[in-house]
Amino acid sequence: MKLSFAPGRAWCIAGETAVAVLDPDAPVADIDRAHDIVAHGGGASELAAAIGQSALAVVSTTHGVNTLLRYRGVPAVVDGEPLNSSGTGNGGAPAPELIPGSLLELGNTGSLAAAALPFLGGVTRVASLRVTFEVDATPGVVARAAEVGAPETDELSVFTSIPGDGHPALVLQSGERIPLDRGVLVGRRPESDRVDGGRPPRLVTVGGLSMVISRTHLRVESTQGGVMATDLGSTNGTTVSRPGTLTQRLRADVPTRLHAGDILGLGDGVAIALSD
């Protein structure tokens, strides 16, 4: 699924195969449950049962079957055609129109034309949501993005001007280099109960007070197979961008090999580059 949204108040939790939209006043416990289910690949029915009356809409794609569940008459448009509020796709009935290649829009769809933003998964707040059911979705990629070149924003430009020294290291936006002579844990307030080879991992704090960054968000380590990055089940997730390729989202708890020049995005504008 490829996702985009217009900012608003409703909670939206998205993963690789499912998306849940919850009431703006949903209890924190329901948001947590939705995140856990989405992160572990749960489907529409499991999500709907877990979040109960907080649900506004649930979308999932499993084994080639795309499902939409709507509640409280949430507006929905499929390929430009509105779904009526009492029929297909409402109150727990799946919408058969959702074939591969379909374009689904939920909520205040007019706001998408004016302010659609890409959504690579995690947690955000929306007024409306657009879901494209891809014909050839690639495993491990939550959403395809436009091809990216070398970073051009002020936030990331520091990465292009820092030469490597022949040893793999992480480069922060401040320009600081973090050597990978041991494992590195990155997060808002990282903690570790693991020791690698008798040496505790380096703890790197990023994101300040941002709640988008998880306390212990990401692990990066140099192994015999190369430098590996692992998202540690973070709330917002982690993306990896490589010049000339598509931005991808790391799967939680699955190590992904990095290459020099890769940029890891943790959310809220926080990014880290791999240098050699």
Foldseek 3Di string as FASTA:
>chain_A
DWKKFAFDQWKWFAAQFKIFTFDSPQDPQLVVVLLVCRLVQHAQVVNCVSRPPRTAKMWGADPQDIFIEGEPQWWKAKPNRTDGSPDARYHPHGHRSQHQQIKMKTAPRVSCVVGIGTAQGFMHHHRMMIDHRHPDDDPQFRHWDPAAAADDDLQRPLLVPDAFDPFKWKAWSVRDTHGQPDKEWEWQADDDPDADPNHRHHYHHDDHPDPLTHNGAKMWHQDPVAIWIAGQSGRRFKWKHAHRGIIGTGRHPDIDHDDAQIWIDSDPSTIMGIHD
